[in-house]
């Protein structure tokens, strides 16, 4: 297993653990004065997951499937 694979597995485990955000359930704090902190957290989490999947797809997608 190369070092990149270890970082990807670590990122996936961290994202899995961060998905269960129980720490913002009772907060009434508004980010920017309009967005609840829980929703802002999920926006940031979704961006992080999207970046991770883009990296995974670009790194591990089979080359023979992308050529037409």
N, C-alpha and C. Protein backbone atom coordinates (compact mmCIF):
# COMPACT_ATOMS: atom_id res chain seq x y z
N UNK A 1 0.86 -1.18 0.00
CA UNK A 1 0.00 0.00 0.00
C UNK A 1 0.90 1.24 0.00
N UNK A 2 0.68 2.10 -0.95
CA UNK A 2 1.51 3.31 -1.00
C UNK A 2 1.00 4.36 0.00
N UNK A 3 1.81 5.36 0.31
CA UNK A 3 1.43 6.37 1.32
C UNK A 3 0.14 7.13 0.96
N UNK A 4 -0.11 7.34 -0.33
CA UNK A 4 -1.33 8.05 -0.74
C UNK A 4 -2.57 7.26 -0.31
N UNK A 5 -2.53 5.94 -0.45
CA UNK A 5 -3.67 5.12 -0.05
C UNK A 5 -3.94 5.23 1.44
N UNK A 6 -2.88 5.32 2.23
CA UNK A 6 -3.06 5.45 3.68
C UNK A 6 -3.73 6.78 4.03
N UNK A 7 -3.34 7.85 3.33
CA UNK A 7 -3.96 9.16 3.57
C UNK A 7 -5.42 9.17 3.16
N UNK A 8 -5.73 8.51 2.07
CA UNK A 8 -7.13 8.44 1.62
C UNK A 8 -7.97 7.67 2.64
N UNK A 9 -7.48 6.53 3.11
CA UNK A 9 -8.22 5.79 4.12
C UNK A 9 -8.40 6.60 5.39
N UNK A 10 -7.37 7.31 5.78
CA UNK A 10 -7.48 8.17 6.96
C UNK A 10 -8.52 9.27 6.74
N UNK A 11 -8.51 9.88 5.58
CA UNK A 11 -9.49 10.93 5.27
C UNK A 11 -10.91 10.37 5.30
N UNK A 12 -11.11 9.17 4.76
CA UNK A 12 -12.45 8.57 4.76
C UNK A 12 -12.92 8.26 6.18
N UNK A 13 -12.04 7.77 7.03
CA UNK A 13 -12.42 7.49 8.42
C UNK A 13 -12.74 8.79 9.15
N UNK A 14 -11.93 9.82 8.94
CA UNK A 14 -12.19 11.11 9.58
C UNK A 14 -13.51 11.69 9.11
N UNK A 15 -13.78 11.62 7.81
CA UNK A 15 -15.06 12.13 7.30
C UNK A 15 -16.24 11.33 7.85
N UNK A 16 -16.06 10.04 8.01
CA UNK A 16 -17.12 9.22 8.59
C UNK A 16 -17.40 9.65 10.03
N UNK A 17 -16.35 9.87 10.80
CA UNK A 17 -16.54 10.29 12.19
C UNK A 17 -17.12 11.70 12.29
N UNK A 18 -16.69 12.59 11.40
CA UNK A 18 -17.20 13.97 11.44
C UNK A 18 -18.65 14.08 10.95
N UNK A 19 -19.12 13.07 10.25
CA UNK A 19 -20.50 13.13 9.75
C UNK A 19 -21.51 13.13 10.89
N UNK A 20 -21.18 12.50 11.99
CA UNK A 20 -22.09 12.41 13.13
C UNK A 20 -21.82 13.59 14.07
N UNK A 21 -22.33 14.74 13.69
CA UNK A 21 -22.08 15.96 14.46
C UNK A 21 -23.19 16.16 15.49
N UNK A 22 -22.93 15.77 16.68
CA UNK A 22 -23.90 15.95 17.75
C UNK A 22 -23.63 17.22 18.55
N UNK A 23 -22.50 17.88 18.28
CA UNK A 23 -22.10 19.02 19.10
C UNK A 23 -22.80 20.31 18.72
N UNK A 24 -23.47 20.37 17.58
CA UNK A 24 -24.18 21.60 17.17
C UNK A 24 -25.69 21.46 17.28
N UNK A 25 -26.19 20.39 17.83
CA UNK A 25 -27.63 20.18 17.87
C UNK A 25 -28.37 21.23 18.68
N UNK A 26 -27.81 21.65 19.79
CA UNK A 26 -28.51 22.58 20.68
C UNK A 26 -28.04 24.02 20.55
N UNK A 27 -27.20 24.30 19.57
CA UNK A 27 -26.65 25.64 19.42
C UNK A 27 -27.61 26.53 18.62
N UNK A 28 -27.77 27.75 19.08
CA UNK A 28 -28.61 28.71 18.35
C UNK A 28 -27.75 29.76 17.65
N UNK A 29 -26.44 29.54 17.58
CA UNK A 29 -25.52 30.49 16.96
C UNK A 29 -25.78 30.56 15.46
N UNK A 30 -25.77 31.78 14.92
CA UNK A 30 -25.98 31.99 13.49
C UNK A 30 -24.66 32.44 12.85
N UNK A 31 -24.27 31.75 11.79
CA UNK A 31 -23.07 32.12 11.04
C UNK A 31 -23.46 33.20 10.04
N UNK A 32 -22.77 34.32 10.09
CA UNK A 32 -23.09 35.42 9.20
C UNK A 32 -24.41 36.09 9.54
N UNK A 33 -24.97 35.76 10.68
CA UNK A 33 -26.21 36.38 11.10
C UNK A 33 -27.46 35.77 10.51
N UNK A 34 -27.33 34.71 9.68
CA UNK A 34 -28.53 34.15 9.05
C UNK A 34 -28.53 32.63 8.95
N UNK A 35 -27.37 31.98 9.01
CA UNK A 35 -27.32 30.53 8.80
C UNK A 35 -26.99 29.82 10.11
N UNK A 36 -27.85 28.88 10.51
CA UNK A 36 -27.55 28.13 11.73
C UNK A 36 -26.21 27.40 11.61
N UNK A 37 -25.50 27.29 12.73
CA UNK A 37 -24.17 26.71 12.73
C UNK A 37 -24.19 25.26 12.25
N UNK A 38 -25.24 24.52 12.56
CA UNK A 38 -25.35 23.14 12.10
C UNK A 38 -25.43 23.05 10.58
N UNK A 39 -26.16 23.96 9.97
CA UNK A 39 -26.26 23.99 8.52
C UNK A 39 -24.94 24.42 7.89
N UNK A 40 -24.28 25.40 8.48
CA UNK A 40 -22.98 25.84 7.98
C UNK A 40 -21.96 24.71 8.08
N UNK A 41 -22.02 23.95 9.17
CA UNK A 41 -21.13 22.81 9.33
C UNK A 41 -21.36 21.80 8.21
N UNK A 42 -22.61 21.52 7.90
CA UNK A 42 -22.90 20.55 6.84
C UNK A 42 -22.51 21.07 5.47
N UNK A 43 -22.56 22.36 5.25
CA UNK A 43 -22.07 22.93 4.00
C UNK A 43 -20.57 22.68 3.87
N UNK A 44 -19.84 22.98 4.93
CA UNK A 44 -18.39 22.76 4.91
C UNK A 44 -18.07 21.28 4.80
N UNK A 45 -18.83 20.44 5.48
CA UNK A 45 -18.62 18.99 5.41
C UNK A 45 -18.89 18.49 3.99
N UNK A 46 -19.94 18.96 3.36
CA UNK A 46 -20.26 18.54 1.99
C UNK A 46 -19.17 18.95 1.01
N UNK A 47 -18.59 20.12 1.19
CA UNK A 47 -17.49 20.56 0.33
C UNK A 47 -16.28 19.65 0.54
N UNK A 48 -15.98 19.30 1.78
CA UNK A 48 -14.84 18.41 2.07
C UNK A 48 -15.06 17.03 1.46
N UNK A 49 -16.27 16.51 1.55
CA UNK A 49 -16.58 15.20 0.97
C UNK A 49 -16.48 15.26 -0.55
N UNK A 50 -16.95 16.34 -1.14
CA UNK A 50 -16.86 16.49 -2.60
C UNK A 50 -15.42 16.51 -3.06
N UNK A 51 -14.58 17.25 -2.38
CA UNK A 51 -13.16 17.30 -2.74
C UNK A 51 -12.52 15.93 -2.60
N UNK A 52 -12.86 15.22 -1.52
CA UNK A 52 -12.31 13.88 -1.31
C UNK A 52 -12.72 12.94 -2.43
N UNK A 53 -13.99 12.97 -2.84
CA UNK A 53 -14.45 12.07 -3.90
C UNK A 53 -13.86 12.45 -5.25
N UNK A 54 -13.64 13.73 -5.50
CA UNK A 54 -12.99 14.13 -6.75
C UNK A 54 -11.56 13.59 -6.79
N UNK A 55 -10.85 13.69 -5.68
CA UNK A 55 -9.49 13.16 -5.62
C UNK A 55 -9.50 11.64 -5.79
N UNK A 56 -10.40 10.97 -5.11
CA UNK A 56 -10.49 9.51 -5.24
C UNK A 56 -10.82 9.09 -6.66
N UNK A 57 -11.76 9.75 -7.28
CA UNK A 57 -12.16 9.40 -8.63
C UNK A 57 -11.04 9.66 -9.62
N UNK A 58 -10.38 10.79 -9.50
CA UNK A 58 -9.31 11.11 -10.45
C UNK A 58 -8.10 10.20 -10.26
N UNK A 59 -7.87 9.73 -9.04
CA UNK A 59 -6.71 8.88 -8.77
C UNK A 59 -6.97 7.41 -9.12
N UNK A 60 -8.14 6.90 -8.82
CA UNK A 60 -8.38 5.47 -8.90
C UNK A 60 -9.33 5.04 -10.02
N UNK A 61 -9.85 5.96 -10.82
CA UNK A 61 -10.73 5.57 -11.93
C UNK A 61 -9.90 4.82 -12.97
N UNK A 62 -10.38 3.67 -13.43
CA UNK A 62 -9.62 2.92 -14.44
C UNK A 62 -9.44 3.70 -15.74
N UNK A 63 -8.21 3.72 -16.23
CA UNK A 63 -7.91 4.51 -17.43
C UNK A 63 -8.62 3.98 -18.66
N UNK A 64 -8.84 2.68 -18.74
CA UNK A 64 -9.48 2.12 -19.93
C UNK A 64 -10.96 2.48 -20.02
N UNK A 65 -11.60 2.87 -18.94
CA UNK A 65 -13.00 3.28 -18.99
C UNK A 65 -13.18 4.72 -19.45
N UNK A 66 -12.16 5.54 -19.29
CA UNK A 66 -12.31 6.96 -19.65
C UNK A 66 -11.94 7.24 -21.10
N UNK A 67 -11.40 6.28 -21.80
CA UNK A 67 -11.05 6.48 -23.22
C UNK A 67 -12.18 5.97 -24.10
N UNK A 68 -12.57 6.78 -25.06
CA UNK A 68 -13.67 6.38 -25.96
C UNK A 68 -13.20 6.39 -27.37
